[in-house]
PDB file of all heavy atoms in Angstrom:
ATOM      1  N   MET A   1      40.732 -47.323  13.674  1.00  0.00           N
ATOM      2  CA  MET A   1      40.127 -48.158  14.701  1.00  0.00           C
ATOM      3  C   MET A   1      38.625 -48.268  14.438  1.00  0.00           C
ATOM      4  O   MET A   1      37.961 -47.271  14.199  1.00  0.00           O
ATOM      5  CB  MET A   1      40.402 -47.558  16.080  1.00  0.00           C
ATOM      6  CG  MET A   1      40.118 -48.486  17.255  1.00  0.00           C
ATOM      7  SD  MET A   1      38.404 -48.468  17.818  1.00  0.00           S
ATOM      8  CE  MET A   1      38.176 -46.757  18.270  1.00  0.00           C
ATOM      9  N   VAL A   2      38.127 -49.494  14.465  1.00  0.00           N
ATOM     10  CA  VAL A   2      36.733 -49.774  14.133  1.00  0.00           C
ATOM     11  C   VAL A   2      35.964 -50.096  15.409  1.00  0.00           C
ATOM     12  O   VAL A   2      36.452 -50.823  16.270  1.00  0.00           O
ATOM     13  CB  VAL A   2      36.628 -50.961  13.149  1.00  0.00           C
ATOM     14  CG1 VAL A   2      35.174 -51.292  12.855  1.00  0.00           C
ATOM     15  CG2 VAL A   2      37.390 -50.661  11.866  1.00  0.00           C
ATOM     16  N   VAL A   3      34.751 -49.560  15.531  1.00  0.00           N
ATOM     17  CA  VAL A   3      33.866 -49.879  16.650  1.00  0.00           C
ATOM     18  C   VAL A   3      32.658 -50.623  16.099  1.00  0.00           C
ATOM     19  O   VAL A   3      31.981 -50.139  15.179  1.00  0.00           O
ATOM     20  CB  VAL A   3      33.395 -48.614  17.389  1.00  0.00           C
ATOM     21  CG1 VAL A   3      32.462 -48.995  18.540  1.00  0.00           C
ATOM     22  CG2 VAL A   3      34.582 -47.820  17.905  1.00  0.00           C
ATOM     23  N   THR A   4      32.385 -51.807  16.653  1.00  0.00           N
ATOM     24  CA  THR A   4      31.254 -52.617  16.223  1.00  0.00           C
ATOM     25  C   THR A   4      30.322 -52.828  17.405  1.00  0.00           C
ATOM     26  O   THR A   4      30.763 -53.213  18.492  1.00  0.00           O
ATOM     27  CB  THR A   4      31.720 -53.982  15.686  1.00  0.00           C
ATOM     28  OG1 THR A   4      32.620 -53.787  14.588  1.00  0.00           O
ATOM     29  CG2 THR A   4      30.535 -54.813  15.223  1.00  0.00           C
ATOM     30  N   TRP A   5      29.038 -52.584  17.183  1.00  0.00           N
ATOM     31  CA  TRP A   5      28.035 -52.762  18.236  1.00  0.00           C
ATOM     32  C   TRP A   5      27.253 -54.044  17.963  1.00  0.00           C
ATOM     33  O   TRP A   5      26.516 -54.135  16.988  1.00  0.00           O
ATOM     34  CB  TRP A   5      27.084 -51.572  18.267  1.00  0.00           C
ATOM     35  CG  TRP A   5      27.748 -50.291  18.667  1.00  0.00           C
ATOM     36  CD1 TRP A   5      28.532 -49.487  17.889  1.00  0.00           C
ATOM     37  CD2 TRP A   5      27.701 -49.676  19.963  1.00  0.00           C
ATOM     38  NE1 TRP A   5      28.976 -48.400  18.614  1.00  0.00           N
ATOM     39  CE2 TRP A   5      28.479 -48.491  19.883  1.00  0.00           C
ATOM     40  CE3 TRP A   5      27.068 -49.989  21.162  1.00  0.00           C
ATOM     41  CZ2 TRP A   5      28.646 -47.639  20.963  1.00  0.00           C
ATOM     42  CZ3 TRP A   5      27.223 -49.136  22.244  1.00  0.00           C
ATOM     43  CH2 TRP A   5      28.005 -47.986  22.145  1.00  0.00           C
ATOM     44  N   GLY A   6      27.465 -55.041  18.809  1.00  0.00           N
ATOM     45  CA  GLY A   6      26.721 -56.286  18.694  1.00  0.00           C
ATOM     46  C   GLY A   6      27.474 -57.340  17.919  1.00  0.00           C
ATOM     47  O   GLY A   6      28.112 -57.055  16.894  1.00  0.00           O
ATOM     48  N   ILE A   7      27.383 -58.568  18.408  1.00  0.00           N
ATOM     49  CA  ILE A   7      28.128 -59.677  17.812  1.00  0.00           C
ATOM     50  C   ILE A   7      27.682 -59.957  16.384  1.00  0.00           C
ATOM     51  O   ILE A   7      28.490 -60.360  15.533  1.00  0.00           O
ATOM     52  CB  ILE A   7      27.985 -60.948  18.691  1.00  0.00           C
ATOM     53  CG1 ILE A   7      28.904 -62.062  18.185  1.00  0.00           C
ATOM     54  CG2 ILE A   7      26.538 -61.410  18.751  1.00  0.00           C
ATOM     55  CD1 ILE A   7      30.364 -61.741  18.293  1.00  0.00           C
ATOM     56  N   ASP A   8      26.405 -59.722  16.068  1.00  0.00           N
ATOM     57  CA  ASP A   8      25.905 -60.031  14.724  1.00  0.00           C
ATOM     58  C   ASP A   8      26.470 -59.089  13.668  1.00  0.00           C
ATOM     59  O   ASP A   8      26.410 -59.397  12.473  1.00  0.00           O
ATOM     60  CB  ASP A   8      24.376 -59.972  14.705  1.00  0.00           C
ATOM     61  CG  ASP A   8      23.736 -61.074  15.536  1.00  0.00           C
ATOM     62  OD1 ASP A   8      24.400 -62.119  15.734  1.00  0.00           O
ATOM     63  OD2 ASP A   8      22.595 -60.888  16.003  1.00  0.00           O
ATOM     64  N   SER A   9      26.993 -57.959  14.093  1.00  0.00           N
ATOM     65  CA  SER A   9      27.558 -56.996  13.138  1.00  0.00           C
ATOM     66  C   SER A   9      29.062 -57.161  12.968  1.00  0.00           C
ATOM     67  O   SER A   9      29.672 -56.492  12.122  1.00  0.00           O
ATOM     68  CB  SER A   9      27.263 -55.562  13.595  1.00  0.00           C
ATOM     69  OG  SER A   9      25.871 -55.335  13.701  1.00  0.00           O
ATOM     70  N   LEU A  10      29.667 -58.045  13.769  1.00  0.00           N
ATOM     71  CA  LEU A  10      31.121 -58.207  13.735  1.00  0.00           C
ATOM     72  C   LEU A  10      31.546 -59.178  12.644  1.00  0.00           C
ATOM     73  O   LEU A  10      30.959 -60.256  12.484  1.00  0.00           O
ATOM     74  CB  LEU A  10      31.620 -58.709  15.092  1.00  0.00           C
ATOM     75  CG  LEU A  10      33.144 -58.823  15.226  1.00  0.00           C
ATOM     76  CD1 LEU A  10      33.762 -57.440  15.367  1.00  0.00           C
ATOM     77  CD2 LEU A  10      33.521 -59.698  16.422  1.00  0.00           C
ATOM     78  N   GLU A  11      32.572 -58.811  11.923  1.00  0.00           N
ATOM     79  CA  GLU A  11      33.131 -59.700  10.901  1.00  0.00           C
ATOM     80  C   GLU A  11      33.964 -60.796  11.559  1.00  0.00           C
ATOM     81  O   GLU A  11      34.784 -60.526  12.443  1.00  0.00           O
ATOM     82  CB  GLU A  11      34.005 -58.905   9.937  1.00  0.00           C
ATOM     83  CG  GLU A  11      34.648 -59.750   8.848  1.00  0.00           C
ATOM     84  CD  GLU A  11      35.596 -58.962   7.970  1.00  0.00           C
ATOM     85  OE1 GLU A  11      35.805 -57.765   8.258  1.00  0.00           O
ATOM     86  OE2 GLU A  11      36.144 -59.542   7.004  1.00  0.00           O
ATOM     87  N   TYR A  12      33.745 -62.039  11.143  1.00  0.00           N
ATOM     88  CA  TYR A  12      34.587 -63.137  11.608  1.00  0.00           C
ATOM     89  C   TYR A  12      35.953 -63.012  10.949  1.00  0.00           C
ATOM     90  O   TYR A  12      36.059 -62.905   9.724  1.00  0.00           O
ATOM     91  CB  TYR A  12      33.957 -64.487  11.249  1.00  0.00           C
ATOM     92  CG  TYR A  12      34.861 -65.676  11.530  1.00  0.00           C
ATOM     93  CD1 TYR A  12      34.814 -66.327  12.752  1.00  0.00           C
ATOM     94  CD2 TYR A  12      35.782 -66.121  10.575  1.00  0.00           C
ATOM     95  CE1 TYR A  12      35.647 -67.408  13.029  1.00  0.00           C
ATOM     96  CE2 TYR A  12      36.613 -67.195  10.843  1.00  0.00           C
ATOM     97  CZ  TYR A  12      36.547 -67.831  12.062  1.00  0.00           C
ATOM     98  OH  TYR A  12      37.378 -68.894  12.328  1.00  0.00           O
ATOM     99  N   ILE A  13      37.000 -63.002  11.760  1.00  0.00           N
ATOM    100  CA  ILE A  13      38.359 -62.956  11.234  1.00  0.00           C
ATOM    101  C   ILE A  13      39.190 -63.984  11.992  1.00  0.00           C
ATOM    102  O   ILE A  13      39.425 -63.844  13.201  1.00  0.00           O
ATOM    103  CB  ILE A  13      38.991 -61.562  11.377  1.00  0.00           C
ATOM    104  CG1 ILE A  13      38.208 -60.534  10.556  1.00  0.00           C
ATOM    105  CG2 ILE A  13      40.461 -61.592  10.954  1.00  0.00           C
ATOM    106  CD1 ILE A  13      38.777 -59.126  10.627  1.00  0.00           C
ATOM    107  N   ALA A  14      39.599 -65.026  11.310  1.00  0.00           N
ATOM    108  CA  ALA A  14      40.478 -66.018  11.923  1.00  0.00           C
ATOM    109  C   ALA A  14      41.786 -65.342  12.317  1.00  0.00           C
ATOM    110  O   ALA A  14      42.291 -64.464  11.598  1.00  0.00           O
ATOM    111  CB  ALA A  14      40.744 -67.160  10.947  1.00  0.00           C
ATOM    112  N   GLY A  15      42.318 -65.733  13.455  1.00  0.00           N
ATOM    113  CA  GLY A  15      43.564 -65.122  13.903  1.00  0.00           C
ATOM    114  C   GLY A  15      43.340 -63.837  14.667  1.00  0.00           C
ATOM    115  O   GLY A  15      44.141 -62.894  14.582  1.00  0.00           O
ATOM    116  N   THR A  16      42.246 -63.768  15.431  1.00  0.00           N
ATOM    117  CA  THR A  16      41.955 -62.589  16.253  1.00  0.00           C
ATOM    118  C   THR A  16      42.599 -62.750  17.629  1.00  0.00           C
ATOM    119  O   THR A  16      42.476 -63.801  18.267  1.00  0.00           O
ATOM    120  CB  THR A  16      40.442 -62.391  16.417  1.00  0.00           C
ATOM    121  OG1 THR A  16      39.876 -62.039  15.142  1.00  0.00           O
ATOM    122  CG2 THR A  16      40.134 -61.292  17.425  1.00  0.00           C
ATOM    123  N   ALA A  17      43.284 -61.712  18.080  1.00  0.00           N
ATOM    124  CA  ALA A  17      43.793 -61.647  19.451  1.00  0.00           C
ATOM    125  C   ALA A  17      42.848 -60.729  20.213  1.00  0.00           C
ATOM    126  O   ALA A  17      42.618 -59.598  19.806  1.00  0.00           O
ATOM    127  CB  ALA A  17      45.208 -61.090  19.477  1.00  0.00           C
ATOM    128  N   ALA A  18      42.286 -61.225  21.331  1.00  0.00           N
ATOM    129  CA  ALA A  18      41.236 -60.483  22.013  1.00  0.00           C
ATOM    130  C   ALA A  18      41.488 -60.371  23.509  1.00  0.00           C
ATOM    131  O   ALA A  18      42.195 -61.184  24.104  1.00  0.00           O
ATOM    132  CB  ALA A  18      39.882 -61.161  21.773  1.00  0.00           C
ATOM    133  N   THR A  19      40.895 -59.335  24.081  1.00  0.00           N
ATOM    134  CA  THR A  19      40.785 -59.216  25.529  1.00  0.00           C
ATOM    135  C   THR A  19      39.351 -58.837  25.835  1.00  0.00           C
ATOM    136  O   THR A  19      38.658 -58.254  24.999  1.00  0.00           O
ATOM    137  CB  THR A  19      41.773 -58.193  26.111  1.00  0.00           C
ATOM    138  OG1 THR A  19      41.727 -58.237  27.547  1.00  0.00           O
ATOM    139  CG2 THR A  19      41.453 -56.787  25.646  1.00  0.00           C
ATOM    140  N   LEU A  20      38.905 -59.164  27.045  1.00  0.00           N
ATOM    141  CA  LEU A  20      37.501 -59.057  27.399  1.00  0.00           C
ATOM    142  C   LEU A  20      37.363 -58.425  28.771  1.00  0.00           C
ATOM    143  O   LEU A  20      38.031 -58.847  29.717  1.00  0.00           O
ATOM    144  CB  LEU A  20      36.882 -60.464  27.398  1.00  0.00           C
ATOM    145  CG  LEU A  20      35.474 -60.645  27.940  1.00  0.00           C
ATOM    146  CD1 LEU A  20      34.458 -60.094  26.945  1.00  0.00           C
ATOM    147  CD2 LEU A  20      35.198 -62.129  28.198  1.00  0.00           C
ATOM    148  N   GLY A  21      36.511 -57.392  28.888  1.00  0.00           N
ATOM    149  CA  GLY A  21      36.304 -56.811  30.207  1.00  0.00           C
ATOM    150  C   GLY A  21      35.497 -55.530  30.153  1.00  0.00           C
ATOM    151  O   GLY A  21      35.231 -54.976  29.086  1.00  0.00           O
ATOM    152  N   SER A  22      35.127 -55.030  31.341  1.00  0.00           N
ATOM    153  CA  SER A  22      34.378 -53.780  31.426  1.00  0.00           C
ATOM    154  C   SER A  22      35.256 -52.583  31.089  1.00  0.00           C
ATOM    155  O   SER A  22      34.806 -51.598  30.505  1.00  0.00           O
ATOM    156  CB  SER A  22      33.801 -53.620  32.836  1.00  0.00           C
ATOM    157  OG  SER A  22      32.921 -54.684  33.127  1.00  0.00           O
ATOM    158  N   TYR A  23      36.504 -52.618  31.517  1.00  0.00           N
ATOM    159  CA  TYR A  23      37.480 -51.554  31.229  1.00  0.00           C
ATOM    160  C   TYR A  23      36.987 -50.182  31.653  1.00  0.00           C
ATOM    161  O   TYR A  23      37.242 -49.177  30.979  1.00  0.00           O
ATOM    162  CB  TYR A  23      37.883 -51.567  29.748  1.00  0.00           C
ATOM    163  CG  TYR A  23      38.866 -52.673  29.440  1.00  0.00           C
ATOM    164  CD1 TYR A  23      38.458 -53.867  28.860  1.00  0.00           C
ATOM    165  CD2 TYR A  23      40.200 -52.535  29.782  1.00  0.00           C
ATOM    166  CE1 TYR A  23      39.357 -54.893  28.616  1.00  0.00           C
ATOM    167  CE2 TYR A  23      41.115 -53.547  29.544  1.00  0.00           C
ATOM    168  CZ  TYR A  23      40.686 -54.729  28.964  1.00  0.00           C
ATOM    169  OH  TYR A  23      41.577 -55.743  28.742  1.00  0.00           O
ATOM    170  N   ASP A  24      36.290 -50.109  32.788  1.00  0.00           N
ATOM    171  CA  ASP A  24      35.828 -48.807  33.274  1.00  0.00           C
ATOM    172  C   ASP A  24      37.022 -47.969  33.722  1.00  0.00           C
ATOM    173  O   ASP A  24      37.804 -48.383  34.576  1.00  0.00           O
ATOM    174  CB  ASP A  24      34.854 -48.992  34.439  1.00  0.00           C
ATOM    175  CG  ASP A  24      34.268 -47.673  34.912  1.00  0.00           C
ATOM    176  OD1 ASP A  24      34.111 -46.765  34.071  1.00  0.00           O
ATOM    177  OD2 ASP A  24      33.964 -47.556  36.116  1.00  0.00           O
ATOM    178  N   GLY A  25      37.168 -46.795  33.140  1.00  0.00           N
ATOM    179  CA  GLY A  25      38.273 -45.907  33.477  1.00  0.00           C
ATOM    180  C   GLY A  25      39.428 -45.981  32.506  1.00  0.00           C
ATOM    181  O   GLY A  25      40.169 -45.017  32.331  1.00  0.00           O
ATOM    182  N   VAL A  26      39.609 -47.148  31.854  1.00  0.00           N
ATOM    183  CA  VAL A  26      40.749 -47.360  30.958  1.00  0.00           C
ATOM    184  C   VAL A  26      42.008 -46.776  31.612  1.00  0.00           C
ATOM    185  O   VAL A  26      42.652 -45.862  31.090  1.00  0.00           O
ATOM    186  CB  VAL A  26      40.512 -46.773  29.553  1.00  0.00           C
ATOM    187  CG1 VAL A  26      41.549 -47.304  28.558  1.00  0.00           C
ATOM    188  CG2 VAL A  26      39.113 -47.110  29.053  1.00  0.00           C
ATOM    189  N   HIS A  27      42.346 -47.299  32.777  1.00  0.00           N
ATOM    190  CA  HIS A  27      43.471 -46.790  33.566  1.00  0.00           C
ATOM    191  C   HIS A  27      44.783 -47.456  33.146  1.00  0.00           C
ATOM    192  O   HIS A  27      44.810 -48.259  32.178  1.00  0.00           O
ATOM    193  CB  HIS A  27      43.204 -46.983  35.060  1.00  0.00           C
ATOM    194  CG  HIS A  27      42.835 -48.384  35.455  1.00  0.00           C
ATOM    195  ND1 HIS A  27      43.700 -49.454  35.336  1.00  0.00           N
ATOM    196  CD2 HIS A  27      41.680 -48.890  35.975  1.00  0.00           C
ATOM    197  CE1 HIS A  27      43.118 -50.550  35.770  1.00  0.00           C
ATOM    198  NE2 HIS A  27      41.881 -50.248  36.158  1.00  0.00           N
ATOM    199  N   LEU A  28      45.858 -47.144  33.842  1.00  0.00           N
ATOM    200  CA  LEU A  28      47.175 -47.648  33.456  1.00  0.00           C
ATOM    201  C   LEU A  28      47.267 -49.169  33.541  1.00  0.00           C
ATOM    202  O   LEU A  28      47.990 -49.797  32.764  1.00  0.00           O
ATOM    203  CB  LEU A  28      48.249 -47.009  34.335  1.00  0.00           C
ATOM    204  CG  LEU A  28      48.461 -45.500  34.136  1.00  0.00           C
ATOM    205  CD1 LEU A  28      49.546 -44.985  35.084  1.00  0.00           C
ATOM    206  CD2 LEU A  28      48.822 -45.178  32.691  1.00  0.00           C
ATOM    207  N   GLY A  29      46.534 -49.773  34.491  1.00  0.00           N
ATOM    208  CA  GLY A  29      46.508 -51.229  34.558  1.00  0.00           C
ATOM    209  C   GLY A  29      45.856 -51.825  33.328  1.00  0.00           C
ATOM    210  O   GLY A  29      46.318 -52.846  32.788  1.00  0.00           O
TER     211      GLY A  29
END
């Protein structure tokens, strides 16, 4: 698993499946 800090450091990869959010707690939901 890779962690990238900042959009400028992220590799563009066509065919990315993404989710977006704060995810505080990373709970069962």
